[in-house]
Amino acid sequence: MSESFRYEHIQHFTAGTVGPKGQRTFYIQFGNPGELISLKLEKGQVSALAEFFNRLLDDVEPIAIDDVPLALDLIEPIESAWVVSSIGIAYEEDSASFVFVAEELIDEEDDDEAPTPATAELRLSHGQVQAFVTRARDLMSSGRPPCDYCGRPLDHDDGWCPCHN
């Protein structure tokens, strides 16, 4: 069984990739100095998370520029604790913080018993969420360009798309 994580306060929350365009692996990374955790997830999950966070930011108080972290790169070593299956987001008005919850992807074929998935529950500031949105959007735009016809990413070697046949 994988380890679960719960943080009331973290200094580092970001998204990043490892690998060349077209073969990138996406991660979220969080924690504090000396105790960083990376979780592997899909590109679409990073994009959807950023867009949902952005919609939530529109409904809360404006962000103080000093609250937005500047260090948004993944910090080495990047070893995934587990793979994310589902993500939940909430906003708590009492604490003026966002709550991020991720659940581990379980391969149910491996065990006879249904294992309990690990979870990560994090409380995030407005600035951390805004920085994540900016970082995730940068990651999405730095990938392979889309095909003019179908919108899927072009092949990373020669810019070819199967719909051209």
Protein backbone atom coordinates (compact mmCIF):
# COMPACT_ATOMS: atom_id res chain seq x y z
CA MET A 1 0.00 0.00 0.00
CA SER A 2 1.26 3.47 -0.92
CA GLU A 3 1.77 6.31 1.51
CA SER A 4 -0.88 9.03 1.95
CA PHE A 5 0.03 12.68 2.48
CA ARG A 6 -1.68 15.51 4.33
CA TYR A 7 -0.31 19.03 4.59
CA GLU A 8 -1.90 22.06 6.20
CA HIS A 9 0.94 24.33 5.02
CA ILE A 10 3.38 23.76 2.17
CA GLN A 11 5.97 25.98 0.58
CA HIS A 12 6.16 24.22 -2.79
CA PHE A 13 3.27 23.30 -5.12
CA THR A 14 3.87 23.06 -8.84
CA ALA A 15 3.46 21.06 -12.01
CA GLY A 16 6.23 20.01 -14.35
CA THR A 17 7.37 17.53 -16.93
CA VAL A 18 10.25 15.18 -17.56
CA GLY A 19 11.21 14.12 -21.08
CA PRO A 20 11.12 15.55 -24.60
CA LYS A 21 8.01 16.95 -26.28
CA GLY A 22 5.68 14.17 -27.30
CA GLN A 23 7.12 11.88 -24.65
CA ARG A 24 6.75 14.02 -21.54
CA THR A 25 5.69 12.62 -18.20
CA PHE A 26 3.64 15.03 -16.12
CA TYR A 27 4.00 15.50 -12.37
CA ILE A 28 2.70 17.61 -9.57
CA GLN A 29 5.20 18.23 -6.79
CA PHE A 30 4.50 19.52 -3.31
CA GLY A 31 5.94 19.75 0.15
CA ASN A 32 8.52 21.64 2.13
CA PRO A 33 12.32 21.81 1.90
CA GLY A 34 13.77 18.36 2.50
CA GLU A 35 10.36 16.69 2.16
CA LEU A 36 9.10 16.92 -1.42
CA ILE A 37 6.61 14.50 -2.95
CA SER A 38 5.98 13.99 -6.66
CA LEU A 39 2.87 12.38 -8.10
CA LYS A 40 2.54 11.28 -11.71
CA LEU A 41 -0.55 12.28 -13.66
CA GLU A 42 -1.84 12.86 -17.19
CA LYS A 43 -1.43 16.03 -19.20
CA GLY A 44 -5.20 16.40 -19.37
CA GLN A 45 -5.44 16.26 -15.58
CA VAL A 46 -2.92 19.09 -15.22
CA SER A 47 -4.78 21.18 -17.80
CA ALA A 48 -8.21 20.54 -16.26
CA LEU A 49 -6.91 21.26 -12.77
CA ALA A 50 -5.46 24.58 -13.89
CA GLU A 51 -8.67 25.64 -15.61
CA PHE A 52 -10.83 24.66 -12.64
CA PHE A 53 -8.51 26.50 -10.25
CA ASN A 54 -8.67 29.54 -12.53
CA ARG A 55 -12.48 29.56 -12.42
CA LEU A 56 -12.38 29.32 -8.62
CA LEU A 57 -9.91 32.22 -8.42
CA ASP A 58 -12.44 34.42 -10.20
CA ASP A 59 -14.83 33.89 -7.28
CA VAL A 60 -12.46 34.75 -4.41
CA GLU A 61 -10.72 37.85 -3.11
CA PRO A 62 -7.93 39.31 -5.27
CA ILE A 63 -4.43 37.95 -4.74
CA ALA A 64 -1.62 39.98 -3.21
CA ILE A 65 1.30 39.86 -5.64
CA ASP A 66 3.64 39.04 -2.71
CA ASP A 67 1.69 35.82 -2.13
CA VAL A 68 2.58 34.32 -5.55
CA PRO A 69 5.61 31.98 -5.33
CA LEU A 70 8.35 32.45 -7.90
CA ALA A 71 10.07 29.03 -7.72
CA LEU A 72 7.88 26.79 -9.88
CA ASP A 73 10.32 24.28 -11.38
CA LEU A 74 10.32 20.64 -10.34
CA ILE A 75 13.05 19.94 -7.82
CA GLU A 76 15.26 16.88 -8.32
CA PRO A 77 15.09 13.99 -7.65
CA ILE A 78 11.70 13.37 -9.22
CA GLU A 79 10.43 9.97 -8.21
CA SER A 80 6.70 9.43 -8.30
CA ALA A 81 5.21 8.23 -5.02
CA TRP A 82 2.18 7.00 -6.98
CA VAL A 83 -0.04 7.73 -10.00
CA VAL A 84 -3.08 10.00 -9.61
CA SER A 85 -6.48 8.66 -10.64
CA SER A 86 -8.90 11.35 -9.46
CA ILE A 87 -8.68 14.90 -8.17
CA GLY A 88 -11.04 16.94 -6.02
CA ILE A 89 -10.92 20.66 -5.28
CA ALA A 90 -12.77 22.78 -2.74
CA TYR A 91 -12.53 26.29 -1.38
CA GLU A 92 -12.85 26.88 2.35
CA GLU A 93 -14.04 30.40 3.09
CA ASP A 94 -13.25 30.14 6.81
CA SER A 95 -9.55 29.61 6.19
CA ALA A 96 -9.49 31.37 2.78
CA SER A 97 -7.66 28.39 1.33
CA PHE A 98 -8.07 25.87 -1.43
CA VAL A 99 -8.18 22.18 -0.60
CA PHE A 100 -6.65 19.84 -3.17
CA VAL A 101 -7.27 16.10 -2.83
CA ALA A 102 -5.75 13.48 -5.14
CA GLU A 103 -6.42 9.76 -5.02
CA GLU A 104 -4.07 6.99 -6.11
CA LEU A 105 -4.76 4.89 -9.19
CA ILE A 106 -5.14 1.29 -8.07
CA ASP A 107 -4.53 -1.67 -10.36
CA GLU A 108 -7.33 -3.92 -9.13
CA GLU A 109 -6.04 -6.90 -11.11
CA ASP A 110 -2.96 -7.19 -8.90
CA ASP A 111 -4.75 -8.13 -5.67
CA ASP A 112 -7.67 -10.33 -4.74
CA GLU A 113 -8.76 -7.78 -2.14
CA ALA A 114 -9.64 -4.23 -3.11
CA PRO A 115 -6.81 -2.13 -1.66
CA THR A 116 -7.49 1.28 -0.21
CA PRO A 117 -5.98 3.96 -2.45
CA ALA A 118 -3.53 6.45 -1.00
CA THR A 119 -4.55 10.10 -0.93
CA ALA A 120 -2.87 13.49 -0.88
CA GLU A 121 -4.71 16.34 0.83
CA LEU A 122 -3.17 19.80 0.61
CA ARG A 123 -4.23 23.26 1.69
CA LEU A 124 -3.12 25.91 -0.77
CA SER A 125 -3.00 29.69 -0.67
CA HIS A 126 -4.46 31.91 -3.37
CA GLY A 127 -0.94 32.72 -4.55
CA GLN A 128 0.05 29.06 -4.82
CA VAL A 129 -3.06 28.34 -6.88
CA GLN A 130 -2.44 31.34 -9.16
CA ALA A 131 1.18 30.30 -9.68
CA PHE A 132 0.06 26.73 -10.47
CA VAL A 133 -2.41 28.01 -13.09
CA THR A 134 0.31 30.10 -14.76
CA ARG A 135 2.81 27.22 -14.66
CA ALA A 136 0.31 24.65 -16.02
CA ARG A 137 -0.70 26.94 -18.88
CA ASP A 138 2.97 27.41 -19.76
CA LEU A 139 3.44 23.63 -19.80
CA MET A 140 0.44 23.15 -22.09
CA SER A 141 1.61 25.78 -24.56
CA SER A 142 5.18 24.43 -24.63
CA GLY A 143 4.10 21.02 -25.95
CA ARG A 144 3.78 19.87 -29.53
CA PRO A 145 1.71 22.13 -31.78
CA PRO A 146 -1.76 20.89 -32.69
CA CYS A 147 -2.73 19.61 -36.14
CA ASP A 148 -4.58 22.24 -38.17
CA TYR A 149 -7.23 19.69 -39.16
CA CYS A 150 -7.99 17.52 -36.13
CA GLY A 151 -6.38 19.40 -33.22
CA ARG A 152 -4.37 16.42 -31.96
CA PRO A 153 -0.66 17.00 -31.28
CA LEU A 154 1.63 16.59 -34.28
CA ASP A 155 4.24 13.83 -34.29
CA HIS A 156 7.27 15.06 -32.38
CA ASP A 157 9.81 13.84 -34.98
CA ASP A 158 8.45 15.18 -38.26
CA GLY A 159 5.30 17.18 -37.53
CA TRP A 160 3.09 14.57 -39.24
CA CYS A 161 -0.48 13.69 -38.22
CA PRO A 162 -2.35 10.45 -39.09
CA CYS A 163 -5.35 12.47 -40.31
CA HIS A 164 -3.25 13.61 -43.29
CA ASN A 165 -3.68 10.19 -44.96
